[in-house]
Amino acid sequence: MHPNNCFQQHKAALRPDTRRLPGSAARSLQPLAEALRLQRFEKARFHRSNRKGSLILECVIASVILASCSIALLKWTHSENRLKQQANTHTAAILLADNAIQRLQQATTENATILANEVAQQLSKQQGLSVAITSREFNSSQGTEAARPGIHFTITVSKGDVPITAQHSWNLHPRNEVAAGSGGPNGAIAPTSEKQEGTAND
């Protein structure tokens, strides 16, 4: 047989085997490739799931923090408004008491009670506060000096049943009128006065 024919036959005999080897290798590697692809897919899905869970947790924490801050802000605003209202009410009460003291400067021993009631009624219509005024006569003396008659007023300003402030005023006769034994016109007490301020708890 010619050598070339032998080579061709040998080549033809080998050709099917060389073609089958890559195919069988590919078929054997296909499950491994599929397993690797599935592993990468599962890993990516796992990371996405973890990331999604982390985002949900972060959103929940942020919502809780925001709600806490909102509640704290509302409480602070409410407390600030309440303090401002209390300060304004206390200032209004002091002004009403001062106004009452000024109106009572010209009180006489005869009309002290009537004037105190009138002033209290007039001032109670203002600022939504109630004003109560009590009066009593007294004699003031120091050492050997003659006693000086006067009137002691107590002005209490309240809101509802809660007293806010209480102030005191003492109206005295002038010393020269007491020494002369005569009072002012119609028994009027001159506008000599002393005032003491204090809260309703004093």
N, C-alpha and C. Protein backbone atom coordinates (compact mmCIF):
# COMPACT_ATOMS: atom_id res chain seq x y z
N MET A 1 0.87 -1.20 0.00
CA MET A 1 0.00 0.00 0.00
C MET A 1 0.89 1.22 0.00
N HIS A 2 0.41 2.19 -0.72
CA HIS A 2 1.20 3.42 -0.81
C HIS A 2 1.23 4.11 0.53
N PRO A 3 2.38 4.64 0.87
CA PRO A 3 2.48 5.31 2.19
C PRO A 3 1.48 6.42 2.36
N ASN A 4 1.20 7.19 1.33
CA ASN A 4 0.25 8.31 1.45
C ASN A 4 -1.14 7.81 1.77
N ASN A 5 -1.53 6.67 1.15
CA ASN A 5 -2.85 6.13 1.44
C ASN A 5 -2.95 5.69 2.89
N CYS A 6 -1.88 5.11 3.38
CA CYS A 6 -1.89 4.71 4.80
C CYS A 6 -2.05 5.91 5.72
N PHE A 7 -1.39 7.00 5.37
CA PHE A 7 -1.48 8.23 6.20
C PHE A 7 -2.89 8.80 6.17
N GLN A 8 -3.50 8.80 4.96
CA GLN A 8 -4.84 9.33 4.84
C GLN A 8 -5.83 8.48 5.63
N GLN A 9 -5.69 7.14 5.55
CA GLN A 9 -6.58 6.28 6.30
C GLN A 9 -6.41 6.48 7.80
N HIS A 10 -5.16 6.62 8.20
CA HIS A 10 -4.91 6.84 9.63
C HIS A 10 -5.51 8.17 10.09
N LYS A 11 -5.40 9.19 9.24
CA LYS A 11 -5.95 10.51 9.57
C LYS A 11 -7.47 10.46 9.64
N ALA A 12 -8.06 9.71 8.67
CA ALA A 12 -9.51 9.61 8.67
C ALA A 12 -10.00 8.83 9.88
N ALA A 13 -9.23 7.86 10.29
CA ALA A 13 -9.62 7.07 11.46
C ALA A 13 -9.55 7.88 12.74
N LEU A 14 -8.59 8.75 12.78
CA LEU A 14 -8.44 9.57 13.99
C LEU A 14 -9.43 10.74 14.05
N ARG A 15 -9.97 11.18 12.91
CA ARG A 15 -10.79 12.40 12.86
C ARG A 15 -12.03 12.31 13.74
N PRO A 16 -12.77 11.19 13.73
CA PRO A 16 -13.96 11.16 14.59
C PRO A 16 -13.63 11.29 16.07
N ASP A 17 -12.54 10.70 16.51
CA ASP A 17 -12.17 10.78 17.92
C ASP A 17 -11.82 12.20 18.31
N THR A 18 -11.08 12.89 17.44
CA THR A 18 -10.70 14.27 17.75
C THR A 18 -11.92 15.18 17.78
N ARG A 19 -12.94 14.85 17.03
CA ARG A 19 -14.15 15.67 17.05
C ARG A 19 -14.98 15.37 18.30
N ARG A 20 -14.98 14.11 18.73
CA ARG A 20 -15.79 13.76 19.87
C ARG A 20 -15.20 14.25 21.19
N LEU A 21 -13.91 14.40 21.28
CA LEU A 21 -13.27 14.80 22.53
C LEU A 21 -13.73 16.18 23.00
N PRO A 22 -13.70 17.20 22.12
CA PRO A 22 -14.19 18.51 22.61
C PRO A 22 -15.65 18.47 23.02
N GLY A 23 -16.49 17.72 22.30
CA GLY A 23 -17.90 17.64 22.66
C GLY A 23 -18.10 16.98 24.01
N SER A 24 -17.44 15.91 24.27
CA SER A 24 -17.58 15.24 25.56
C SER A 24 -17.01 16.10 26.69
N ALA A 25 -15.91 16.82 26.38
CA ALA A 25 -15.36 17.72 27.40
C ALA A 25 -16.33 18.84 27.73
N ALA A 26 -16.98 19.37 26.67
CA ALA A 26 -17.95 20.44 26.90
C ALA A 26 -19.13 19.94 27.70
N ARG A 27 -19.57 18.69 27.36
CA ARG A 27 -20.70 18.14 28.10
C ARG A 27 -20.35 17.88 29.57
N SER A 28 -19.10 17.49 29.80
CA SER A 28 -18.69 17.25 31.18
C SER A 28 -18.51 18.54 31.97
N LEU A 29 -18.12 19.61 31.27
CA LEU A 29 -17.93 20.90 31.95
C LEU A 29 -19.23 21.68 32.10
N GLN A 30 -20.26 21.31 31.34
CA GLN A 30 -21.51 22.07 31.38
C GLN A 30 -22.16 22.07 32.76
N PRO A 31 -22.25 20.92 33.47
CA PRO A 31 -22.82 20.97 34.82
C PRO A 31 -22.02 21.85 35.77
N LEU A 32 -20.68 21.82 35.62
CA LEU A 32 -19.86 22.67 36.48
C LEU A 32 -20.11 24.15 36.21
N ALA A 33 -20.22 24.48 34.91
CA ALA A 33 -20.50 25.88 34.56
C ALA A 33 -21.87 26.30 35.07
N GLU A 34 -22.84 25.38 34.94
CA GLU A 34 -24.19 25.69 35.43
C GLU A 34 -24.19 25.89 36.94
N ALA A 35 -23.40 25.04 37.63
CA ALA A 35 -23.32 25.17 39.08
C ALA A 35 -22.67 26.50 39.48
N LEU A 36 -21.60 26.88 38.76
CA LEU A 36 -20.95 28.16 39.05
C LEU A 36 -21.89 29.34 38.79
N ARG A 37 -22.63 29.24 37.66
CA ARG A 37 -23.56 30.32 37.33
C ARG A 37 -24.66 30.42 38.39
N LEU A 38 -25.17 29.27 38.82
CA LEU A 38 -26.20 29.26 39.86
C LEU A 38 -25.65 29.80 41.18
N GLN A 39 -24.39 29.47 41.46
CA GLN A 39 -23.78 29.97 42.69
C GLN A 39 -23.64 31.49 42.66
N ARG A 40 -23.20 32.02 41.49
CA ARG A 40 -23.08 33.48 41.36
C ARG A 40 -24.45 34.14 41.48
N PHE A 41 -25.46 33.50 40.89
CA PHE A 41 -26.82 34.05 40.96
C PHE A 41 -27.33 34.08 42.40
N GLU A 42 -27.11 32.97 43.12
CA GLU A 42 -27.55 32.90 44.51
C GLU A 42 -26.81 33.92 45.37
N LYS A 43 -25.51 34.08 45.10
CA LYS A 43 -24.73 35.05 45.86
C LYS A 43 -25.23 36.47 45.60
N ALA A 44 -25.50 36.78 44.32
CA ALA A 44 -26.00 38.12 43.99
C ALA A 44 -27.37 38.36 44.62
N ARG A 45 -28.23 37.31 44.58
CA ARG A 45 -29.55 37.46 45.18
C ARG A 45 -29.44 37.61 46.69
N PHE A 46 -28.49 36.90 47.30
CA PHE A 46 -28.29 37.02 48.75
C PHE A 46 -27.85 38.43 49.12
N HIS A 47 -26.90 38.98 48.33
CA HIS A 47 -26.44 40.35 48.60
C HIS A 47 -27.57 41.35 48.41
N ARG A 48 -28.37 41.15 47.36
CA ARG A 48 -29.50 42.06 47.14
C ARG A 48 -30.50 41.97 48.28
N SER A 49 -30.75 40.76 48.76
CA SER A 49 -31.68 40.58 49.87
C SER A 49 -31.16 41.23 51.14
N ASN A 50 -29.85 41.05 51.41
CA ASN A 50 -29.26 41.69 52.59
C ASN A 50 -29.32 43.20 52.47
N ARG A 51 -29.03 43.71 51.27
CA ARG A 51 -29.06 45.15 51.08
C ARG A 51 -30.48 45.69 51.26
N LYS A 52 -31.46 44.95 50.75
CA LYS A 52 -32.85 45.37 50.91
C LYS A 52 -33.25 45.37 52.37
N GLY A 53 -32.84 44.32 53.11
CA GLY A 53 -33.13 44.28 54.54
C GLY A 53 -32.46 45.41 55.30
N SER A 54 -31.22 45.74 54.91
CA SER A 54 -30.51 46.85 55.56
C SER A 54 -31.21 48.18 55.30
N LEU A 55 -31.68 48.37 54.07
CA LEU A 55 -32.39 49.61 53.74
C LEU A 55 -33.68 49.73 54.55
N ILE A 56 -34.41 48.62 54.67
CA ILE A 56 -35.65 48.65 55.46
C ILE A 56 -35.35 48.98 56.92
N LEU A 57 -34.30 48.36 57.46
CA LEU A 57 -33.93 48.63 58.85
C LEU A 57 -33.52 50.08 59.04
N GLU A 58 -32.75 50.62 58.09
CA GLU A 58 -32.34 52.03 58.18
C GLU A 58 -33.54 52.96 58.12
N CYS A 59 -34.51 52.62 57.27
CA CYS A 59 -35.72 53.45 57.17
C CYS A 59 -36.51 53.42 58.48
N VAL A 60 -36.60 52.24 59.09
CA VAL A 60 -37.32 52.13 60.36
C VAL A 60 -36.63 52.95 61.45
N ILE A 61 -35.30 52.85 61.53
CA ILE A 61 -34.55 53.61 62.54
C ILE A 61 -34.70 55.11 62.31
N ALA A 62 -34.61 55.53 61.03
CA ALA A 62 -34.77 56.95 60.72
C ALA A 62 -36.17 57.44 61.09
N SER A 63 -37.19 56.61 60.86
CA SER A 63 -38.56 57.00 61.21
C SER A 63 -38.72 57.15 62.72
N VAL A 64 -38.11 56.23 63.48
CA VAL A 64 -38.19 56.32 64.94
C VAL A 64 -37.50 57.58 65.45
N ILE A 65 -36.31 57.88 64.90
CA ILE A 65 -35.58 59.09 65.31
C ILE A 65 -36.38 60.34 64.97
N LEU A 66 -36.96 60.36 63.77
CA LEU A 66 -37.76 61.53 63.36
C LEU A 66 -38.98 61.71 64.26
N ALA A 67 -39.64 60.59 64.60
CA ALA A 67 -40.80 60.69 65.49
C ALA A 67 -40.40 61.19 66.87
N SER A 68 -39.27 60.71 67.38
CA SER A 68 -38.80 61.16 68.70
C SER A 68 -38.48 62.65 68.69
N CYS A 69 -37.81 63.10 67.63
CA CYS A 69 -37.48 64.53 67.52
C CYS A 69 -38.75 65.38 67.42
N SER A 70 -39.73 64.89 66.68
CA SER A 70 -40.98 65.64 66.54
C SER A 70 -41.70 65.76 67.88
N ILE A 71 -41.74 64.66 68.64
CA ILE A 71 -42.40 64.69 69.95
C ILE A 71 -41.67 65.64 70.89
N ALA A 72 -40.32 65.58 70.88
CA ALA A 72 -39.54 66.47 71.75
C ALA A 72 -39.78 67.93 71.37
N LEU A 73 -39.85 68.21 70.06
CA LEU A 73 -40.09 69.59 69.62
C LEU A 73 -41.47 70.07 70.04
N LEU A 74 -42.47 69.21 69.93
CA LEU A 74 -43.82 69.60 70.36
C LEU A 74 -43.87 69.88 71.85
N LYS A 75 -43.20 69.03 72.64
CA LYS A 75 -43.18 69.24 74.09
C LYS A 75 -42.48 70.55 74.43
N TRP A 76 -41.35 70.81 73.76
CA TRP A 76 -40.61 72.05 74.04
C TRP A 76 -41.44 73.27 73.66
N THR A 77 -42.11 73.21 72.50
CA THR A 77 -42.94 74.33 72.07
C THR A 77 -44.09 74.56 73.05
N HIS A 78 -44.71 73.46 73.49
CA HIS A 78 -45.82 73.59 74.45
C HIS A 78 -45.34 74.18 75.77
N SER A 79 -44.18 73.73 76.25
CA SER A 79 -43.64 74.27 77.50
C SER A 79 -43.29 75.75 77.36
N GLU A 80 -42.70 76.11 76.22
CA GLU A 80 -42.34 77.52 76.01
C GLU A 80 -43.59 78.40 75.98
N ASN A 81 -44.62 77.95 75.28
CA ASN A 81 -45.86 78.73 75.22
C ASN A 81 -46.51 78.85 76.60
N ARG A 82 -46.46 77.76 77.37
CA ARG A 82 -47.05 77.81 78.71
C ARG A 82 -46.29 78.77 79.61
N LEU A 83 -44.95 78.76 79.52
CA LEU A 83 -44.15 79.69 80.34
C LEU A 83 -44.42 81.14 79.93
N LYS A 84 -44.53 81.39 78.63
CA LYS A 84 -44.84 82.74 78.17
C LYS A 84 -46.20 83.19 78.68
N GLN A 85 -47.18 82.29 78.62
CA GLN A 85 -48.52 82.64 79.10
C GLN A 85 -48.51 82.92 80.60
N GLN A 86 -47.78 82.11 81.36
CA GLN A 86 -47.70 82.34 82.80
C GLN A 86 -47.02 83.67 83.11
N ALA A 87 -45.95 83.99 82.36
CA ALA A 87 -45.25 85.26 82.58
C ALA A 87 -46.16 86.44 82.25
N ASN A 88 -46.89 86.34 81.14
CA ASN A 88 -47.81 87.42 80.78
C ASN A 88 -48.92 87.59 81.81
N THR A 89 -49.44 86.47 82.31
CA THR A 89 -50.49 86.54 83.32
C THR A 89 -49.98 87.16 84.61
N HIS A 90 -48.77 86.78 85.02
CA HIS A 90 -48.19 87.34 86.25
C HIS A 90 -47.94 88.84 86.10
N THR A 91 -47.44 89.25 84.93
CA THR A 91 -47.22 90.68 84.69
C THR A 91 -48.53 91.45 84.73
N ALA A 92 -49.56 90.90 84.10
CA ALA A 92 -50.87 91.57 84.12
C ALA A 92 -51.42 91.67 85.53
N ALA A 93 -51.21 90.64 86.35
CA ALA A 93 -51.69 90.67 87.73
C ALA A 93 -50.99 91.75 88.54
N ILE A 94 -49.68 91.89 88.36
CA ILE A 94 -48.94 92.93 89.08
C ILE A 94 -49.40 94.32 88.65
N LEU A 95 -49.63 94.50 87.36
CA LEU A 95 -50.10 95.80 86.88
C LEU A 95 -51.49 96.13 87.45
N LEU A 96 -52.36 95.13 87.53
CA LEU A 96 -53.68 95.37 88.12
C LEU A 96 -53.57 95.75 89.60
N ALA A 97 -52.69 95.08 90.32
CA ALA A 97 -52.51 95.40 91.74
C ALA A 97 -51.95 96.82 91.91
N ASP A 98 -50.99 97.19 91.07
CA ASP A 98 -50.45 98.56 91.14
C ASP A 98 -51.53 99.59 90.82
N ASN A 99 -52.36 99.28 89.84
CA ASN A 99 -53.45 100.18 89.49
C ASN A 99 -54.41 100.35 90.66
N ALA A 100 -54.71 99.25 91.34
CA ALA A 100 -55.60 99.33 92.50
C ALA A 100 -55.00 100.19 93.60
N ILE A 101 -53.70 100.03 93.84
CA ILE A 101 -53.04 100.83 94.89
C ILE A 101 -53.11 102.31 94.56
N GLN A 102 -52.92 102.65 93.29
CA GLN A 102 -53.00 104.06 92.91
C GLN A 102 -54.42 104.61 93.12
N ARG A 103 -55.42 103.82 92.83
CA ARG A 103 -56.80 104.29 93.00
C ARG A 103 -57.19 104.40 94.47
N LEU A 104 -56.54 103.66 95.32
CA LEU A 104 -56.88 103.67 96.75
C LEU A 104 -56.12 104.73 97.53
N GLN A 105 -55.29 105.52 96.87
CA GLN A 105 -54.50 106.52 97.59
C GLN A 105 -55.39 107.56 98.27
N GLN A 106 -56.49 107.91 97.66
CA GLN A 106 -57.36 108.96 98.21
C GLN A 106 -58.49 108.39 99.07
N ALA A 107 -58.36 107.15 99.53
CA ALA A 107 -59.41 106.56 100.36
C ALA A 107 -59.49 107.27 101.71
N THR A 108 -60.67 107.33 102.25
CA THR A 108 -60.89 107.90 103.58
C THR A 108 -61.30 106.79 104.54
N THR A 109 -61.26 107.12 105.83
CA THR A 109 -61.66 106.11 106.80
C THR A 109 -63.14 105.76 106.66
N GLU A 110 -63.91 106.71 106.13
CA GLU A 110 -65.34 106.45 105.99
C GLU A 110 -65.66 105.61 104.75
N ASN A 111 -64.94 105.83 103.66
CA ASN A 111 -65.32 105.14 102.41
C ASN A 111 -64.30 104.09 101.98
N ALA A 112 -63.40 103.68 102.86
CA ALA A 112 -62.34 102.74 102.48
C ALA A 112 -62.92 101.43 101.96
N THR A 113 -63.89 100.88 102.67
CA THR A 113 -64.47 99.59 102.27
C THR A 113 -65.24 99.70 100.96
N ILE A 114 -66.04 100.78 100.85
CA ILE A 114 -66.83 100.97 99.62
C ILE A 114 -65.92 101.17 98.42
N LEU A 115 -64.90 102.03 98.58
CA LEU A 115 -63.97 102.29 97.47
C LEU A 115 -63.20 101.03 97.09
N ALA A 116 -62.81 100.25 98.08
CA ALA A 116 -62.07 99.01 97.79
C ALA A 116 -62.93 98.06 96.96
N ASN A 117 -64.21 97.94 97.31
CA ASN A 117 -65.10 97.06 96.54
C ASN A 117 -65.31 97.57 95.12
N GLU A 118 -65.46 98.89 94.96
CA GLU A 118 -65.65 99.45 93.62
C GLU A 118 -64.42 99.23 92.75
N VAL A 119 -63.25 99.49 93.31
CA VAL A 119 -62.01 99.30 92.54
C VAL A 119 -61.84 97.83 92.16
N ALA A 120 -62.14 96.93 93.08
CA ALA A 120 -62.00 95.50 92.80
C ALA A 120 -62.93 95.07 91.67
N GLN A 121 -64.17 95.57 91.68
CA GLN A 121 -65.12 95.21 90.63
C GLN A 121 -64.69 95.76 89.28
N GLN A 122 -64.19 96.99 89.26
CA GLN A 122 -63.77 97.60 88.00
C GLN A 122 -62.56 96.86 87.40
N LEU A 123 -61.60 96.52 88.24
CA LEU A 123 -60.39 95.87 87.73
C LEU A 123 -60.61 94.41 87.39
N SER A 124 -61.60 93.78 88.01
CA SER A 124 -61.87 92.36 87.73
C SER A 124 -62.39 92.15 86.32
N LYS A 125 -62.87 93.20 85.68
CA LYS A 125 -63.36 93.10 84.32
C LYS A 125 -62.23 93.14 83.29
N GLN A 126 -61.01 93.35 83.73
CA GLN A 126 -59.87 93.46 82.82
C GLN A 126 -59.00 92.21 82.90
N GLN A 127 -58.43 91.82 81.76
CA GLN A 127 -57.44 90.75 81.66
C GLN A 127 -57.97 89.37 82.07
N GLY A 128 -59.28 89.26 82.33
CA GLY A 128 -59.82 87.97 82.73
C GLY A 128 -59.35 87.51 84.09
N LEU A 129 -58.95 88.43 84.95
CA LEU A 129 -58.47 88.10 86.29
C LEU A 129 -59.43 88.67 87.33
N SER A 130 -59.45 88.06 88.50
CA SER A 130 -60.30 88.55 89.59
C SER A 130 -59.45 89.28 90.62
N VAL A 131 -59.96 90.39 91.12
CA VAL A 131 -59.26 91.23 92.09
C VAL A 131 -60.09 91.29 93.36
N ALA A 132 -59.46 91.01 94.47
CA ALA A 132 -60.11 91.11 95.79
C ALA A 132 -59.31 92.06 96.66
N ILE A 133 -60.00 93.01 97.30
CA ILE A 133 -59.33 94.02 98.14
C ILE A 133 -59.98 94.02 99.51
N THR A 134 -59.16 93.88 100.52
CA THR A 134 -59.64 93.98 101.90
C THR A 134 -58.96 95.17 102.56
N SER A 135 -59.63 95.76 103.56
CA SER A 135 -59.08 96.93 104.24
C SER A 135 -59.32 96.82 105.74
N ARG A 136 -58.42 97.42 106.49
CA ARG A 136 -58.61 97.49 107.95
C ARG A 136 -57.87 98.73 108.45
N GLU A 137 -58.43 99.34 109.49
CA GLU A 137 -57.81 100.53 110.07
C GLU A 137 -56.75 100.10 111.08
N PHE A 138 -55.74 100.96 111.23
CA PHE A 138 -54.67 100.68 112.20
C PHE A 138 -54.10 102.01 112.68
N ASN A 139 -53.34 101.95 113.77
CA ASN A 139 -52.63 103.10 114.32
C ASN A 139 -51.14 102.78 114.34
N SER A 140 -50.36 103.68 113.78
CA SER A 140 -48.92 103.48 113.72
C SER A 140 -48.25 104.48 114.65
N SER A 141 -47.37 103.99 115.52
CA SER A 141 -46.65 104.88 116.44
C SER A 141 -45.22 104.41 116.57
N GLN A 142 -44.31 105.36 116.74
CA GLN A 142 -42.90 105.06 116.93
C GLN A 142 -42.40 105.80 118.17
N GLY A 143 -42.04 105.08 119.20
CA GLY A 143 -41.51 105.71 120.41
C GLY A 143 -42.54 106.59 121.08
N THR A 144 -42.12 107.83 121.34
CA THR A 144 -42.99 108.79 122.03
C THR A 144 -43.85 109.59 121.07
N GLU A 145 -43.72 109.34 119.76
CA GLU A 145 -44.50 110.10 118.79
C GLU A 145 -45.97 109.69 118.87
N ALA A 146 -46.81 110.64 118.48
CA ALA A 146 -48.25 110.37 118.50
C ALA A 146 -48.60 109.30 117.47
N ALA A 147 -49.59 108.52 117.80
CA ALA A 147 -50.03 107.47 116.89
C ALA A 147 -50.62 108.07 115.62
N ARG A 148 -50.34 107.43 114.50
CA ARG A 148 -50.86 107.90 113.22
C ARG A 148 -51.87 106.89 112.70
N PRO A 149 -53.13 107.29 112.57
CA PRO A 149 -54.12 106.36 112.05
C PRO A 149 -53.92 106.15 110.55
N GLY A 150 -54.32 105.02 110.09
CA GLY A 150 -54.19 104.72 108.67
C GLY A 150 -55.06 103.54 108.28
N ILE A 151 -54.96 103.18 107.02
CA ILE A 151 -55.72 102.05 106.48
C ILE A 151 -54.75 101.11 105.78
N HIS A 152 -54.89 99.84 106.08
CA HIS A 152 -54.07 98.80 105.44
C HIS A 152 -54.93 98.08 104.40
N PHE A 153 -54.50 98.14 103.14
CA PHE A 153 -55.19 97.46 102.05
C PHE A 153 -54.39 96.23 101.63
N THR A 154 -55.09 95.14 101.38
CA THR A 154 -54.48 93.93 100.82
C THR A 154 -55.15 93.64 99.49
N ILE A 155 -54.37 93.67 98.42
CA ILE A 155 -54.89 93.45 97.06
C ILE A 155 -54.41 92.09 96.58
N THR A 156 -55.35 91.21 96.30
CA THR A 156 -55.04 89.86 95.82
C THR A 156 -55.62 89.68 94.42
N VAL A 157 -54.75 89.32 93.49
CA VAL A 157 -55.18 89.08 92.10
C VAL A 157 -55.09 87.58 91.84
N SER A 158 -56.18 87.01 91.33
CA SER A 158 -56.25 85.56 91.11
C SER A 158 -56.75 85.28 89.70
N LYS A 159 -56.46 84.07 89.26
CA LYS A 159 -57.03 83.55 88.01
C LYS A 159 -57.82 82.30 88.36
N GLY A 160 -59.12 82.43 88.32
CA GLY A 160 -59.95 81.34 88.82
C GLY A 160 -59.83 81.26 90.33
N ASP A 161 -59.46 80.08 90.81
CA ASP A 161 -59.26 79.89 92.25
C ASP A 161 -57.79 79.92 92.64
N VAL A 162 -56.93 80.27 91.70
CA VAL A 162 -55.48 80.25 91.95
C VAL A 162 -54.97 81.67 92.14
N PRO A 163 -54.52 82.05 93.34
CA PRO A 163 -53.94 83.38 93.55
C PRO A 163 -52.64 83.53 92.77
N ILE A 164 -52.45 84.69 92.17
CA ILE A 164 -51.24 84.95 91.38
C ILE A 164 -50.29 85.87 92.14
N THR A 165 -50.82 86.95 92.68
CA THR A 165 -49.98 87.89 93.42
C THR A 165 -50.82 88.58 94.48
N ALA A 166 -50.15 89.00 95.54
CA ALA A 166 -50.80 89.75 96.62
C ALA A 166 -49.90 90.92 96.99
N GLN A 167 -50.48 92.11 97.07
CA GLN A 167 -49.73 93.31 97.42
C GLN A 167 -50.43 94.03 98.57
N HIS A 168 -49.64 94.77 99.32
CA HIS A 168 -50.15 95.49 100.50
C HIS A 168 -49.84 96.97 100.36
N SER A 169 -50.76 97.77 100.86
CA SER A 169 -50.58 99.22 100.84
C SER A 169 -51.07 99.79 102.17
N TRP A 170 -50.24 100.69 102.75
CA TRP A 170 -50.59 101.35 104.00
C TRP A 170 -50.74 102.84 103.73
N ASN A 171 -51.91 103.39 103.96
CA ASN A 171 -52.16 104.82 103.82
C ASN A 171 -52.20 105.44 105.22
N LEU A 172 -51.38 106.48 105.43
CA LEU A 172 -51.24 107.10 106.76
C LEU A 172 -51.66 108.56 106.71
N HIS A 173 -52.15 109.08 107.89
CA HIS A 173 -52.39 110.51 108.05
C HIS A 173 -51.04 111.22 108.14
N PRO A 174 -50.93 112.45 107.64
CA PRO A 174 -49.72 113.24 107.89
C PRO A 174 -49.56 113.51 109.38
N ARG A 175 -48.32 113.63 109.84
CA ARG A 175 -48.07 113.84 111.27
C ARG A 175 -48.59 115.19 111.74
N ASN A 176 -48.46 116.22 110.92
CA ASN A 176 -48.89 117.54 111.37
C ASN A 176 -50.40 117.59 111.58
N GLU A 177 -51.16 116.84 110.75
CA GLU A 177 -52.60 116.83 110.93
C GLU A 177 -53.00 116.05 112.18
N VAL A 178 -52.25 114.98 112.48
CA VAL A 178 -52.54 114.22 113.68
C VAL A 178 -52.25 115.06 114.91
N ALA A 179 -51.13 115.81 114.89
CA ALA A 179 -50.77 116.65 116.03
C ALA A 179 -51.80 117.75 116.23
N ALA A 180 -52.35 118.27 115.13
CA ALA A 180 -53.35 119.34 115.24
C ALA A 180 -54.71 118.79 115.62
N GLY A 181 -54.85 117.48 115.56
CA GLY A 181 -56.13 116.87 115.95
C GLY A 181 -57.19 116.98 114.90
N SER A 182 -56.81 117.22 113.66
CA SER A 182 -57.81 117.33 112.59
C SER A 182 -57.35 116.50 111.41
N GLY A 183 -58.32 115.94 110.73
CA GLY A 183 -58.01 115.19 109.53
C GLY A 183 -58.12 116.07 108.32
N GLY A 184 -58.00 115.45 107.15
CA GLY A 184 -58.14 116.17 105.90
C GLY A 184 -59.60 116.43 105.63
N PRO A 185 -59.91 116.99 104.48
CA PRO A 185 -61.30 117.26 104.13
C PRO A 185 -62.10 115.97 104.09
N ASN A 186 -63.25 116.01 104.80
CA ASN A 186 -64.15 114.85 104.85
C ASN A 186 -63.45 113.61 105.41
N GLY A 187 -62.47 113.85 106.29
CA GLY A 187 -61.77 112.72 106.88
C GLY A 187 -60.82 112.04 105.94
N ALA A 188 -60.44 112.68 104.84
CA ALA A 188 -59.57 112.04 103.85
C ALA A 188 -58.19 111.82 104.41
N ILE A 189 -57.60 110.74 104.02
CA ILE A 189 -56.23 110.44 104.41
C ILE A 189 -55.32 110.92 103.30
N ALA A 190 -54.29 111.66 103.66
CA ALA A 190 -53.37 112.20 102.66
C ALA A 190 -52.66 111.06 101.95
N PRO A 191 -52.16 111.31 100.72
CA PRO A 191 -51.58 110.24 99.92
C PRO A 191 -50.23 109.75 100.38
N THR A 192 -49.96 109.81 101.69
CA THR A 192 -48.75 109.21 102.22
C THR A 192 -48.99 107.71 102.34
N SER A 193 -48.18 106.92 101.67
CA SER A 193 -48.45 105.48 101.65
C SER A 193 -47.17 104.69 101.57
N GLU A 194 -47.27 103.46 101.99
CA GLU A 194 -46.19 102.50 101.85
C GLU A 194 -46.75 101.27 101.17
N LYS A 195 -45.96 100.68 100.29
CA LYS A 195 -46.44 99.53 99.53
C LYS A 195 -45.50 98.36 99.70
N GLN A 196 -46.08 97.21 99.86
CA GLN A 196 -45.29 95.98 99.94
C GLN A 196 -45.81 95.02 98.89
N GLU A 197 -44.89 94.48 98.09
CA GLU A 197 -45.27 93.56 97.04
C GLU A 197 -44.86 92.15 97.42
N GLY A 198 -45.58 91.21 96.89
CA GLY A 198 -45.23 89.82 97.13
C GLY A 198 -46.12 88.90 96.35
N THR A 199 -45.72 87.66 96.24
CA THR A 199 -46.54 86.67 95.56
C THR A 199 -47.66 86.23 96.48
N ALA A 200 -48.61 85.53 95.91
CA ALA A 200 -49.76 85.09 96.70
C ALA A 200 -49.37 84.06 97.74
N ASN A 201 -48.19 83.44 97.58
CA ASN A 201 -47.75 82.44 98.55
C ASN A 201 -47.03 83.05 99.73
N ASP A 202 -46.71 84.35 99.65
CA ASP A 202 -45.98 85.00 100.75
C ASP A 202 -46.88 85.16 101.96
